[in-house]
Every structure is written in structure tokens, then in C-alpha cells.
Amino acid sequence: QRSLVLLDLAVSMLGEAADAGVQSAELFSLLTNLTAEESRRNYLVAGGFLPTLCALITREVARIRAQEAIASCDIAQGQVLKSLLALLESLLKVPGIRSRFRLTPDLL
């Protein structure tokens, strides 16, 4: 049960982690470890995490595009997006989650 509390805490910090850029690597590493079990990925999705994750991905893409427009984009800026997409990919490996993703309109 403690791991679920830690998982919820880590997920709640994702919005701030996206703003932290490369410094958020440890949080994403923790999330990767905490979501290694399929049951924990199902737990997240059952709690409504899929739309939240997709919104974070969309926000990160918009942020990178805005920085590219003013030519101030550093290659490291894509690290958070890469980590968010890796998290989404791990969720979509679960067939039930993949089905839910496909059936939910306007996630990405």
C-alpha cells in the first residue's frame, strides 16, 4: 500500500516536473520503477491518469513549439516529452488500457 501512496505522490508532481526539465529525470525514473507492475498501471488509469498524462504531453509539445518559434530551444528540452511518452507507451502495453485509450476521444 505504501507504494501506491508513493505512486500517487509522484504522479501529483508530474506537472511541476515538466517545468523542471532535465532535473526531473529522477522522478521519471521513480515512476518507471513504480509502474513496472501491470496492476499499478491499471491502478493509475482507473484513477483517471490517462487524460492527465495526455494533457501533460500536449502541454509539453506546445511549450517546445513556442520555444522553437523564438529560437531558444535546447535539445535537452525534449527530455521531459520523451519521458512522458515513454510513460504513455508503458501504459499502452496493457491491452485494457490500450482499448480505453483508443475509445476515449480527444486525448491527444
Protein backbone atom coordinates (compact mmCIF):
# COMPACT_ATOMS: atom_id res chain seq x y z
CA GLN A 1 0.00 0.00 0.00
CA ARG A 2 2.87 2.39 0.66
CA SER A 3 3.98 2.01 -2.92
CA LEU A 4 0.55 3.19 -4.11
CA VAL A 5 0.81 6.26 -1.87
CA LEU A 6 4.26 6.96 -3.30
CA LEU A 7 2.93 6.40 -6.82
CA ASP A 8 0.10 8.87 -6.22
CA LEU A 9 2.58 11.40 -4.84
CA ALA A 10 4.93 11.00 -7.81
CA VAL A 11 2.06 11.39 -10.27
CA SER A 12 0.86 14.52 -8.48
CA MET A 13 4.30 16.05 -9.03
CA LEU A 14 4.38 15.47 -12.80
CA GLY A 15 3.12 18.95 -13.68
CA GLU A 16 5.97 20.58 -11.76
CA ALA A 17 8.45 18.04 -13.08
CA ALA A 18 7.61 19.02 -16.63
CA ASP A 19 8.55 22.59 -15.72
CA ALA A 20 11.82 21.42 -14.17
CA GLY A 21 13.10 20.00 -17.43
CA VAL A 22 16.10 17.68 -17.26
CA GLN A 23 16.18 17.89 -13.47
CA SER A 24 13.03 15.77 -13.40
CA ALA A 25 14.86 12.65 -14.58
CA GLU A 26 14.84 11.12 -11.10
CA LEU A 27 11.07 11.49 -10.81
CA PHE A 28 10.55 9.80 -14.16
CA SER A 29 12.93 7.03 -13.13
CA LEU A 30 10.93 6.53 -9.94
CA LEU A 31 7.68 6.42 -11.93
CA THR A 32 9.15 3.86 -14.29
CA ASN A 33 10.07 1.64 -11.36
CA LEU A 34 6.74 2.13 -9.60
CA THR A 35 4.74 1.30 -12.73
CA ALA A 36 6.73 -1.81 -13.64
CA GLU A 37 3.84 -3.99 -12.45
CA GLU A 38 0.79 -4.06 -14.71
CA SER A 39 -1.52 -3.79 -11.70
CA ARG A 40 -0.05 -0.38 -10.84
CA ARG A 41 -0.55 0.87 -14.39
CA ASN A 42 -4.16 -0.29 -14.20
CA TYR A 43 -4.46 1.48 -10.84
CA LEU A 44 -3.31 4.76 -12.40
CA VAL A 45 -5.67 4.52 -15.34
CA ALA A 46 -8.59 3.55 -13.13
CA GLY A 47 -7.89 6.73 -11.16
CA GLY A 48 -8.14 8.90 -14.28
CA PHE A 49 -4.44 9.29 -15.04
CA LEU A 50 -4.66 8.74 -18.81
CA PRO A 51 -6.29 12.11 -19.64
CA THR A 52 -3.90 13.83 -17.22
CA LEU A 53 -0.88 12.28 -18.90
CA CYS A 54 -2.15 13.17 -22.36
CA ALA A 55 -2.74 16.77 -21.24
CA LEU A 56 0.83 16.95 -19.93
CA ILE A 57 2.14 15.62 -23.26
CA THR A 58 0.08 18.18 -25.18
CA ARG A 59 1.30 20.98 -22.90
CA GLU A 60 4.92 19.92 -23.29
CA VAL A 61 4.62 19.81 -27.10
CA ALA A 62 3.14 23.32 -27.09
CA ARG A 63 5.92 24.57 -24.81
CA ILE A 64 8.62 23.15 -27.09
CA ARG A 65 6.93 24.60 -30.18
CA ALA A 66 6.78 28.03 -28.54
CA GLN A 67 10.48 27.86 -27.71
CA GLU A 68 11.33 26.76 -31.23
CA ALA A 69 9.43 29.77 -32.57
CA ILE A 70 11.72 32.14 -30.69
CA ALA A 71 14.80 30.03 -31.45
CA SER A 72 15.58 29.37 -27.80
CA CYS A 73 15.02 25.64 -27.77
CA ASP A 74 17.76 23.49 -26.28
CA ILE A 75 17.96 19.83 -27.30
CA ALA A 76 17.57 18.88 -23.64
CA GLN A 77 14.09 20.43 -23.63
CA GLY A 78 12.76 17.30 -25.31
CA GLN A 79 13.77 15.05 -22.41
CA VAL A 80 10.57 15.64 -20.46
CA LEU A 81 8.47 14.95 -23.56
CA LYS A 82 10.43 11.78 -24.19
CA SER A 83 9.85 10.64 -20.60
CA LEU A 84 6.12 11.43 -20.74
CA LEU A 85 5.79 9.50 -23.99
CA ALA A 86 7.71 6.55 -22.51
CA LEU A 87 5.26 6.54 -19.61
CA LEU A 88 2.33 6.56 -22.05
CA GLU A 89 3.94 3.76 -24.02
CA SER A 90 4.29 1.64 -20.89
CA LEU A 91 0.61 2.18 -20.09
CA LEU A 92 -0.45 1.25 -23.61
CA LYS A 93 1.33 -2.10 -23.36
CA VAL A 94 -1.57 -3.22 -21.19
CA PRO A 95 -4.35 -4.37 -23.57
CA GLY A 96 -7.21 -3.00 -21.46
CA ILE A 97 -5.56 0.39 -21.22
CA ARG A 98 -4.81 0.43 -24.94
CA SER A 99 -8.51 -0.26 -25.65
CA ARG A 100 -9.58 2.51 -23.31
CA PHE A 101 -7.12 4.90 -24.98
CA ARG A 102 -8.50 4.11 -28.42
CA LEU A 103 -12.10 4.56 -27.30
CA THR A 104 -11.58 7.86 -25.50
CA PRO A 105 -11.88 10.78 -27.94
CA ASP A 106 -9.57 13.80 -27.93
CA LEU A 107 -6.88 12.51 -25.59
CA LEU A 108 -4.05 13.68 -27.81
